[in-house]
Amino acid sequence: MSTIIKQQNAEGKQNEEQNEHQSLQRTEQNEEQQNRETLDSQYANLEAIANRKASLPEAENTQIYGEKRNHDKFMYAISLTEKAVLEMLNLSS
C-alpha cells in the first residue's frame, strides 16, 4: 500500500514539474512573439516615416530647412541683442 502511495506521489510530482516546465515554455514563447510583433510594428512605422519623407516634394523639404535656418538666424540675432543690452547696462553703471 505504501509503495502505491509513493508511486502516486512521484507521478504527481513529475506531472507537476512537467506542467511547470510547459508553462514556462509557453510564457517564453509568448514573450518572444510579443517582442517580434513589437519589432515588426516599429520597423513598419520607421519605414512609413521614411517613405513619407522620401515622398515630400523637394520644395517642401527646402521650405522646412529654410524655416529652421531662419529660426536659427533669429535666435542668433536675439542672443546678439541680449549681449549688446547687457554691455550697455554694464557701461551705464
PDB file of N, CA and C in Angstrom:
ATOM      1  N   MET A   1       0.823  -1.198   0.000  1.00  0.00           N
ATOM      2  CA  MET A   1       0.000   0.000   0.000  1.00  0.00           C
ATOM      3  C   MET A   1       0.862   1.254   0.000  1.00  0.00           C
ATOM      4  N   SER A   2       1.881   1.281   0.831  1.00  0.00           N
ATOM      5  CA  SER A   2       2.729   2.460   0.902  1.00  0.00           C
ATOM      6  C   SER A   2       3.527   2.630  -0.379  1.00  0.00           C
ATOM      7  N   THR A   3       3.846   1.533  -1.069  1.00  0.00           N
ATOM      8  CA  THR A   3       4.560   1.610  -2.344  1.00  0.00           C
ATOM      9  C   THR A   3       3.685   2.282  -3.388  1.00  0.00           C
ATOM     10  N   ILE A   4       2.407   1.957  -3.381  1.00  0.00           N
ATOM     11  CA  ILE A   4       1.471   2.565  -4.338  1.00  0.00           C
ATOM     12  C   ILE A   4       1.358   4.063  -4.070  1.00  0.00           C
ATOM     13  N   ILE A   5       1.288   4.453  -2.820  1.00  0.00           N
ATOM     14  CA  ILE A   5       1.179   5.874  -2.458  1.00  0.00           C
ATOM     15  C   ILE A   5       2.444   6.616  -2.871  1.00  0.00           C
ATOM     16  N   LYS A   6       3.616   6.006  -2.620  1.00  0.00           N
ATOM     17  CA  LYS A   6       4.875   6.633  -3.018  1.00  0.00           C
ATOM     18  C   LYS A   6       4.932   6.807  -4.533  1.00  0.00           C
ATOM     19  N   GLN A   7       4.464   5.760  -5.243  1.00  0.00           N
ATOM     20  CA  GLN A   7       4.474   5.822  -6.712  1.00  0.00           C
ATOM     21  C   GLN A   7       3.533   6.928  -7.201  1.00  0.00           C
ATOM     22  N   GLN A   8       2.351   7.024  -6.597  1.00  0.00           N
ATOM     23  CA  GLN A   8       1.399   8.067  -6.981  1.00  0.00           C
ATOM     24  C   GLN A   8       1.954   9.457  -6.666  1.00  0.00           C
ATOM     25  N   ASN A   9       2.624   9.607  -5.533  1.00  0.00           N
ATOM     26  CA  ASN A   9       3.232  10.889  -5.180  1.00  0.00           C
ATOM     27  C   ASN A   9       4.321  11.264  -6.173  1.00  0.00           C
ATOM     28  N   ALA A  10       5.132  10.264  -6.555  1.00  0.00           N
ATOM     29  CA  ALA A  10       6.208  10.512  -7.520  1.00  0.00           C
ATOM     30  C   ALA A  10       5.621  10.919  -8.868  1.00  0.00           C
ATOM     31  N   GLU A  11       4.560  10.229  -9.293  1.00  0.00           N
ATOM     32  CA  GLU A  11       3.906  10.570 -10.564  1.00  0.00           C
ATOM     33  C   GLU A  11       3.290  11.967 -10.497  1.00  0.00           C
ATOM     34  N   GLY A  12       2.674  12.280  -9.369  1.00  0.00           N
ATOM     35  CA  GLY A  12       2.075  13.604  -9.193  1.00  0.00           C
ATOM     36  C   GLY A  12       3.125  14.698  -9.245  1.00  0.00           C
ATOM     37  N   LYS A  13       4.257  14.437  -8.609  1.00  0.00           N
ATOM     38  CA  LYS A  13       5.343  15.421  -8.613  1.00  0.00           C
ATOM     39  C   LYS A  13       5.906  15.582 -10.019  1.00  0.00           C
ATOM     40  N   GLN A  14       6.051  14.460 -10.726  1.00  0.00           N
ATOM     41  CA  GLN A  14       6.567  14.506 -12.095  1.00  0.00           C
ATOM     42  C   GLN A  14       5.601  15.281 -12.996  1.00  0.00           C
ATOM     43  N   ASN A  15       4.306  15.038 -12.860  1.00  0.00           N
ATOM     44  CA  ASN A  15       3.303  15.767 -13.649  1.00  0.00           C
ATOM     45  C   ASN A  15       3.345  17.261 -13.335  1.00  0.00           C
ATOM     46  N   GLU A  16       3.510  17.578 -12.069  1.00  0.00           N
ATOM     47  CA  GLU A  16       3.580  18.983 -11.658  1.00  0.00           C
ATOM     48  C   GLU A  16       4.798  19.667 -12.278  1.00  0.00           C
ATOM     49  N   GLU A  17       5.940  18.967 -12.274  1.00  0.00           N
ATOM     50  CA  GLU A  17       7.155  19.525 -12.872  1.00  0.00           C
ATOM     51  C   GLU A  17       6.995  19.706 -14.378  1.00  0.00           C
ATOM     52  N   GLN A  18       6.357  18.725 -15.032  1.00  0.00           N
ATOM     53  CA  GLN A  18       6.120  18.841 -16.476  1.00  0.00           C
ATOM     54  C   GLN A  18       5.205  20.021 -16.779  1.00  0.00           C
ATOM     55  N   ASN A  19       4.160  20.177 -15.993  1.00  0.00           N
ATOM     56  CA  ASN A  19       3.232  21.293 -16.197  1.00  0.00           C
ATOM     57  C   ASN A  19       3.938  22.631 -16.008  1.00  0.00           C
ATOM     58  N   GLU A  20       4.790  22.708 -14.987  1.00  0.00           N
ATOM     59  CA  GLU A  20       5.531  23.948 -14.735  1.00  0.00           C
ATOM     60  C   GLU A  20       6.483  24.244 -15.892  1.00  0.00           C
ATOM     61  N   HIS A  21       7.157  23.199 -16.377  1.00  0.00           N
ATOM     62  CA  HIS A  21       8.087  23.370 -17.499  1.00  0.00           C
ATOM     63  C   HIS A  21       7.334  23.840 -18.748  1.00  0.00           C
ATOM     64  N   GLN A  22       6.191  23.215 -19.031  1.00  0.00           N
ATOM     65  CA  GLN A  22       5.394  23.609 -20.197  1.00  0.00           C
ATOM     66  C   GLN A  22       4.877  25.034 -20.050  1.00  0.00           C
ATOM     67  N   SER A  23       4.499  25.399 -18.842  1.00  0.00           N
ATOM     68  CA  SER A  23       4.016  26.758 -18.598  1.00  0.00           C
ATOM     69  C   SER A  23       5.125  27.775 -18.851  1.00  0.00           C
ATOM     70  N   LEU A  24       6.334  27.476 -18.381  1.00  0.00           N
ATOM     71  CA  LEU A  24       7.470  28.369 -18.622  1.00  0.00           C
ATOM     72  C   LEU A  24       7.770  28.483 -20.113  1.00  0.00           C
ATOM     73  N   GLN A  25       7.700  27.358 -20.821  1.00  0.00           N
ATOM     74  CA  GLN A  25       7.942  27.381 -22.268  1.00  0.00           C
ATOM     75  C   GLN A  25       6.907  28.255 -22.972  1.00  0.00           C
ATOM     76  N   ARG A  26       5.639  28.103 -22.593  1.00  0.00           N
ATOM     77  CA  ARG A  26       4.581  28.913 -23.212  1.00  0.00           C
ATOM     78  C   ARG A  26       4.798  30.393 -22.924  1.00  0.00           C
ATOM     79  N   THR A  27       5.189  30.709 -21.693  1.00  0.00           N
ATOM     80  CA  THR A  27       5.445  32.103 -21.331  1.00  0.00           C
ATOM     81  C   THR A  27       6.577  32.675 -22.172  1.00  0.00           C
ATOM     82  N   GLU A  28       7.670  31.915 -22.311  1.00  0.00           N
ATOM     83  CA  GLU A  28       8.802  32.373 -23.124  1.00  0.00           C
ATOM     84  C   GLU A  28       8.398  32.555 -24.580  1.00  0.00           C
ATOM     85  N   GLN A  29       7.620  31.616 -25.102  1.00  0.00           N
ATOM     86  CA  GLN A  29       7.173  31.719 -26.492  1.00  0.00           C
ATOM     87  C   GLN A  29       6.277  32.937 -26.683  1.00  0.00           C
ATOM     88  N   ASN A  30       5.394  33.183 -25.727  1.00  0.00           N
ATOM     89  CA  ASN A  30       4.519  34.359 -25.814  1.00  0.00           C
ATOM     90  C   ASN A  30       5.326  35.649 -25.778  1.00  0.00           C
ATOM     91  N   GLU A  31       6.333  35.708 -24.901  1.00  0.00           N
ATOM     92  CA  GLU A  31       7.175  36.903 -24.821  1.00  0.00           C
ATOM     93  C   GLU A  31       7.945  37.112 -26.118  1.00  0.00           C
ATOM     94  N   GLU A  32       8.488  36.022 -26.679  1.00  0.00           N
ATOM     95  CA  GLU A  32       9.212  36.131 -27.947  1.00  0.00           C
ATOM     96  C   GLU A  32       8.288  36.624 -29.052  1.00  0.00           C
ATOM     97  N   GLN A  33       7.066  36.094 -29.086  1.00  0.00           N
ATOM     98  CA  GLN A  33       6.102  36.509 -30.107  1.00  0.00           C
ATOM     99  C   GLN A  33       5.760  37.990 -29.951  1.00  0.00           C
ATOM    100  N   GLN A  34       5.548  38.430 -28.724  1.00  0.00           N
ATOM    101  CA  GLN A  34       5.247  39.843 -28.483  1.00  0.00           C
ATOM    102  C   GLN A  34       6.415  40.726 -28.890  1.00  0.00           C
ATOM    103  N   ASN A  35       7.641  40.282 -28.581  1.00  0.00           N
ATOM    104  CA  ASN A  35       8.819  41.057 -28.975  1.00  0.00           C
ATOM    105  C   ASN A  35       8.924  41.150 -30.491  1.00  0.00           C
ATOM    106  N   ARG A  36       8.680  40.031 -31.186  1.00  0.00           N
ATOM    107  CA  ARG A  36       8.721  40.047 -32.655  1.00  0.00           C
ATOM    108  C   ARG A  36       7.667  40.995 -33.215  1.00  0.00           C
ATOM    109  N   GLU A  37       6.463  40.929 -32.656  1.00  0.00           N
ATOM    110  CA  GLU A  37       5.388  41.803 -33.134  1.00  0.00           C
ATOM    111  C   GLU A  37       5.726  43.272 -32.881  1.00  0.00           C
ATOM    112  N   THR A  38       6.297  43.559 -31.721  1.00  0.00           N
ATOM    113  CA  THR A  38       6.686  44.935 -31.405  1.00  0.00           C
ATOM    114  C   THR A  38       7.747  45.429 -32.373  1.00  0.00           C
ATOM    115  N   LEU A  39       8.770  44.604 -32.615  1.00  0.00           N
ATOM    116  CA  LEU A  39       9.829  44.995 -33.543  1.00  0.00           C
ATOM    117  C   LEU A  39       9.286  45.178 -34.956  1.00  0.00           C
ATOM    118  N   ASP A  40       8.403  44.267 -35.374  1.00  0.00           N
ATOM    119  CA  ASP A  40       7.801  44.396 -36.703  1.00  0.00           C
ATOM    120  C   ASP A  40       7.019  45.696 -36.814  1.00  0.00           C
ATOM    121  N   SER A  41       6.276  46.024 -35.766  1.00  0.00           N
ATOM    122  CA  SER A  41       5.484  47.254 -35.758  1.00  0.00           C
ATOM    123  C   SER A  41       6.388  48.482 -35.805  1.00  0.00           C
ATOM    124  N   GLN A  42       7.448  48.475 -35.010  1.00  0.00           N
ATOM    125  CA  GLN A  42       8.372  49.612 -35.003  1.00  0.00           C
ATOM    126  C   GLN A  42       9.050  49.766 -36.360  1.00  0.00           C
ATOM    127  N   TYR A  43       9.426  48.650 -36.964  1.00  0.00           N
ATOM    128  CA  TYR A  43      10.066  48.707 -38.279  1.00  0.00           C
ATOM    129  C   TYR A  43       9.093  49.273 -39.311  1.00  0.00           C
ATOM    130  N   ALA A  44       7.839  48.819 -39.244  1.00  0.00           N
ATOM    131  CA  ALA A  44       6.831  49.315 -40.183  1.00  0.00           C
ATOM    132  C   ALA A  44       6.628  50.817 -40.005  1.00  0.00           C
ATOM    133  N   ASN A  45       6.620  51.288 -38.758  1.00  0.00           N
ATOM    134  CA  ASN A  45       6.476  52.725 -38.504  1.00  0.00           C
ATOM    135  C   ASN A  45       7.648  53.507 -39.073  1.00  0.00           C
ATOM    136  N   LEU A  46       8.866  53.010 -38.851  1.00  0.00           N
ATOM    137  CA  LEU A  46      10.047  53.688 -39.390  1.00  0.00           C
ATOM    138  C   LEU A  46      10.027  53.703 -40.913  1.00  0.00           C
ATOM    139  N   GLU A  47       9.613  52.593 -41.487  1.00  0.00           N
ATOM    140  CA  GLU A  47       9.540  52.511 -42.946  1.00  0.00           C
ATOM    141  C   GLU A  47       8.511  53.504 -43.487  1.00  0.00           C
ATOM    142  N   ALA A  48       7.374  53.618 -42.800  1.00  0.00           N
ATOM    143  CA  ALA A  48       6.343  54.566 -43.227  1.00  0.00           C
ATOM    144  C   ALA A  48       6.857  55.998 -43.135  1.00  0.00           C
ATOM    145  N   ILE A  49       7.578  56.305 -42.070  1.00  0.00           N
ATOM    146  CA  ILE A  49       8.146  57.654 -41.921  1.00  0.00           C
ATOM    147  C   ILE A  49       9.139  57.931 -43.037  1.00  0.00           C
ATOM    148  N   ALA A  50       9.998  56.952 -43.318  1.00  0.00           N
ATOM    149  CA  ALA A  50      10.990  57.130 -44.383  1.00  0.00           C
ATOM    150  C   ALA A  50      10.305  57.325 -45.734  1.00  0.00           C
ATOM    151  N   ASN A  51       9.242  56.570 -45.973  1.00  0.00           N
ATOM    152  CA  ASN A  51       8.514  56.709 -47.241  1.00  0.00           C
ATOM    153  C   ASN A  51       7.849  58.076 -47.349  1.00  0.00           C
ATOM    154  N   ARG A  52       7.270  58.555 -46.243  1.00  0.00           N
ATOM    155  CA  ARG A  52       6.650  59.885 -46.266  1.00  0.00           C
ATOM    156  C   ARG A  52       7.700  60.956 -46.522  1.00  0.00           C
ATOM    157  N   LYS A  53       8.837  60.824 -45.854  1.00  0.00           N
ATOM    158  CA  LYS A  53       9.918  61.798 -46.029  1.00  0.00           C
ATOM    159  C   LYS A  53      10.397  61.788 -47.477  1.00  0.00           C
ATOM    160  N   ALA A  54      10.531  60.595 -48.049  1.00  0.00           N
ATOM    161  CA  ALA A  54      11.001  60.488 -49.431  1.00  0.00           C
ATOM    162  C   ALA A  54       9.972  61.046 -50.408  1.00  0.00           C
ATOM    163  N   SER A  55       8.695  60.982 -50.037  1.00  0.00           N
ATOM    164  CA  SER A  55       7.662  61.448 -50.959  1.00  0.00           C
ATOM    165  C   SER A  55       7.385  62.945 -50.838  1.00  0.00           C
ATOM    166  N   LEU A  56       7.986  63.616 -49.842  1.00  0.00           N
ATOM    167  CA  LEU A  56       7.798  65.063 -49.732  1.00  0.00           C
ATOM    168  C   LEU A  56       8.384  65.739 -50.965  1.00  0.00           C
ATOM    169  N   PRO A  57       7.670  66.686 -51.507  1.00  0.00           N
ATOM    170  CA  PRO A  57       8.236  67.412 -52.642  1.00  0.00           C
ATOM    171  C   PRO A  57       9.513  68.132 -52.215  1.00  0.00           C
ATOM    172  N   GLU A  58      10.405  68.297 -53.146  1.00  0.00           N
ATOM    173  CA  GLU A  58      11.691  68.936 -52.849  1.00  0.00           C
ATOM    174  C   GLU A  58      11.482  70.340 -52.284  1.00  0.00           C
ATOM    175  N   ALA A  59      10.505  71.058 -52.821  1.00  0.00           N
ATOM    176  CA  ALA A  59      10.247  72.422 -52.341  1.00  0.00           C
ATOM    177  C   ALA A  59       9.855  72.401 -50.866  1.00  0.00           C
ATOM    178  N   GLU A  60       9.063  71.389 -50.472  1.00  0.00           N
ATOM    179  CA  GLU A  60       8.639  71.313 -49.077  1.00  0.00           C
ATOM    180  C   GLU A  60       9.834  71.001 -48.182  1.00  0.00           C
ATOM    181  N   ASN A  61      10.704  70.089 -48.650  1.00  0.00           N
ATOM    182  CA  ASN A  61      11.929  69.811 -47.890  1.00  0.00           C
ATOM    183  C   ASN A  61      12.746  71.080 -47.726  1.00  0.00           C
ATOM    184  N   THR A  62      12.887  71.832 -48.800  1.00  0.00           N
ATOM    185  CA  THR A  62      13.662  73.069 -48.770  1.00  0.00           C
ATOM    186  C   THR A  62      13.003  74.078 -47.845  1.00  0.00           C
ATOM    187  N   GLN A  63      11.675  74.148 -47.893  1.00  0.00           N
ATOM    188  CA  GLN A  63      10.952  75.087 -47.039  1.00  0.00           C
ATOM    189  C   GLN A  63      11.181  74.749 -45.569  1.00  0.00           C
ATOM    190  N   ILE A  64      11.098  73.461 -45.237  1.00  0.00           N
ATOM    191  CA  ILE A  64      11.319  73.057 -43.845  1.00  0.00           C
ATOM    192  C   ILE A  64      12.732  73.434 -43.421  1.00  0.00           C
ATOM    193  N   TYR A  65      13.712  73.163 -44.280  1.00  0.00           N
ATOM    194  CA  TYR A  65      15.097  73.508 -43.966  1.00  0.00           C
ATOM    195  C   TYR A  65      15.255  75.021 -43.833  1.00  0.00           C
ATOM    196  N   GLY A  66      14.619  75.751 -44.756  1.00  0.00           N
ATOM    197  CA  GLY A  66      14.699  77.212 -44.720  1.00  0.00           C
ATOM    198  C   GLY A  66      14.096  77.784 -43.456  1.00  0.00           C
ATOM    199  N   GLU A  67      12.968  77.220 -43.020  1.00  0.00           N
ATOM    200  CA  GLU A  67      12.339  77.695 -41.791  1.00  0.00           C
ATOM    201  C   GLU A  67      13.258  77.461 -40.593  1.00  0.00           C
ATOM    202  N   LYS A  68      13.911  76.314 -40.568  1.00  0.00           N
ATOM    203  CA  LYS A  68      14.833  76.040 -39.462  1.00  0.00           C
ATOM    204  C   LYS A  68      16.004  77.015 -39.520  1.00  0.00           C
ATOM    205  N   ARG A  69      16.529  77.256 -40.708  1.00  0.00           N
ATOM    206  CA  ARG A  69      17.651  78.184 -40.840  1.00  0.00           C
ATOM    207  C   ARG A  69      17.248  79.585 -40.396  1.00  0.00           C
ATOM    208  N   ASN A  70      16.048  80.016 -40.805  1.00  0.00           N
ATOM    209  CA  ASN A  70      15.565  81.337 -40.396  1.00  0.00           C
ATOM    210  C   ASN A  70      15.396  81.409 -38.880  1.00  0.00           C
ATOM    211  N   HIS A  71      14.875  80.341 -38.307  1.00  0.00           N
ATOM    212  CA  HIS A  71      14.704  80.298 -36.854  1.00  0.00           C
ATOM    213  C   HIS A  71      16.070  80.408 -36.169  1.00  0.00           C
ATOM    214  N   ASP A  72      17.056  79.661 -36.680  1.00  0.00           N
ATOM    215  CA  ASP A  72      18.405  79.719 -36.099  1.00  0.00           C
ATOM    216  C   ASP A  72      18.989  81.127 -36.200  1.00  0.00           C
ATOM    217  N   LYS A  73      18.790  81.778 -37.347  1.00  0.00           N
ATOM    218  CA  LYS A  73      19.295  83.147 -37.519  1.00  0.00           C
ATOM    219  C   LYS A  73      18.613  84.089 -36.531  1.00  0.00           C
ATOM    220  N   PHE A  74      17.313  83.917 -36.371  1.00  0.00           N
ATOM    221  CA  PHE A  74      16.548  84.753 -35.454  1.00  0.00           C
ATOM    222  C   PHE A  74      17.052  84.575 -34.022  1.00  0.00           C
ATOM    223  N   MET A  75      17.276  83.324 -33.616  1.00  0.00           N
ATOM    224  CA  MET A  75      17.763  83.064 -32.263  1.00  0.00           C
ATOM    225  C   MET A  75      19.165  83.654 -32.075  1.00  0.00           C
ATOM    226  N   TYR A  76      19.987  83.603 -33.104  1.00  0.00           N
ATOM    227  CA  TYR A  76      21.329  84.188 -33.036  1.00  0.00           C
ATOM    228  C   TYR A  76      21.227  85.711 -32.879  1.00  0.00           C
ATOM    229  N   ALA A  77      20.309  86.318 -33.635  1.00  0.00           N
ATOM    230  CA  ALA A  77      20.114  87.771 -33.538  1.00  0.00           C
ATOM    231  C   ALA A  77      19.650  88.154 -32.134  1.00  0.00           C
ATOM    232  N   ILE A  78      18.769  87.364 -31.560  1.00  0.00           N
ATOM    233  CA  ILE A  78      18.302  87.639 -30.194  1.00  0.00           C
ATOM    234  C   ILE A  78      19.470  87.569 -29.220  1.00  0.00           C
ATOM    235  N   SER A  79      20.319  86.561 -29.374  1.00  0.00           N
ATOM    236  CA  SER A  79      21.449  86.438 -28.442  1.00  0.00           C
ATOM    237  C   SER A  79      22.406  87.621 -28.589  1.00  0.00           C
ATOM    238  N   LEU A  80      22.619  88.097 -29.828  1.00  0.00           N
ATOM    239  CA  LEU A  80      23.472  89.272 -30.022  1.00  0.00           C
ATOM    240  C   LEU A  80      22.849  90.505 -29.380  1.00  0.00           C
ATOM    241  N   THR A  81      21.540  90.646 -29.516  1.00  0.00           N
ATOM    242  CA  THR A  81      20.831  91.779 -28.915  1.00  0.00           C
ATOM    243  C   THR A  81      20.954  91.732 -27.395  1.00  0.00           C
ATOM    244  N   GLU A  82      20.782  90.532 -26.829  1.00  0.00           N
ATOM    245  CA  GLU A  82      20.923  90.390 -25.380  1.00  0.00           C
ATOM    246  C   GLU A  82      22.319  90.805 -24.931  1.00  0.00           C
ATOM    247  N   LYS A  83      23.336  90.367 -25.674  1.00  0.00           N
ATOM    248  CA  LYS A  83      24.710  90.738 -25.325  1.00  0.00           C
ATOM    249  C   LYS A  83      24.892  92.251 -25.375  1.00  0.00           C
ATOM    250  N   ALA A  84      24.366  92.863 -26.435  1.00  0.00           N
ATOM    251  CA  ALA A  84      24.508  94.316 -26.582  1.00  0.00           C
ATOM    252  C   ALA A  84      23.818  95.039 -25.434  1.00  0.00           C
ATOM    253  N   VAL A  85      22.626  94.615 -25.071  1.00  0.00           N
ATOM    254  CA  VAL A  85      21.892  95.251 -23.972  1.00  0.00           C
ATOM    255  C   VAL A  85      22.663  95.083 -22.668  1.00  0.00           C
ATOM    256  N   LEU A  86      23.186  93.891 -22.421  1.00  0.00           N
ATOM    257  CA  LEU A  86      23.955  93.668 -21.193  1.00  0.00           C
ATOM    258  C   LEU A  86      25.201  94.539 -21.154  1.00  0.00           C
ATOM    259  N   GLU A  87      25.871  94.665 -22.287  1.00  0.00           N
ATOM    260  CA  GLU A  87      27.056  95.527 -22.342  1.00  0.00           C
ATOM    261  C   GLU A  87      26.685  96.980 -22.073  1.00  0.00           C
ATOM    262  N   MET A  88      25.555  97.429 -22.629  1.00  0.00           N
ATOM    263  CA  MET A  88      25.113  98.811 -22.408  1.00  0.00           C
ATOM    264  C   MET A  88      24.789  99.029 -20.934  1.00  0.00           C
ATOM    265  N   LEU A  89      24.161  98.053 -20.310  1.00  0.00           N
ATOM    266  CA  LEU A  89      23.835  98.168 -18.891  1.00  0.00           C
ATOM    267  C   LEU A  89      25.105  98.205 -18.049  1.00  0.00           C
ATOM    268  N   ASN A  90      26.080  97.399 -18.428  1.00  0.00           N
ATOM    269  CA  ASN A  90      27.356  97.394 -17.690  1.00  0.00           C
ATOM    270  C   ASN A  90      28.083  98.724 -17.850  1.00  0.00           C
ATOM    271  N   LEU A  91      28.017  99.314 -19.038  1.00  0.00           N
ATOM    272  CA  LEU A  91      28.688 100.590 -19.276  1.00  0.00           C
ATOM    273  C   LEU A  91      28.013 101.724 -18.519  1.00  0.00           C
ATOM    274  N   SER A  92      26.691 101.647 -18.394  1.00  0.00           N
ATOM    275  CA  SER A  92      25.969 102.745 -17.758  1.00  0.00           C
ATOM    276  C   SER A  92      26.055 102.687 -16.239  1.00  0.00           C
ATOM    277  N   SER A  93      26.467 101.576 -15.690  1.00  0.00           N
ATOM    278  CA  SER A  93      26.511 101.512 -14.219  1.00  0.00           C
ATOM    279  C   SER A  93      27.831 101.902 -13.638  1.00  0.00           C
TER     280      SER A  93
END
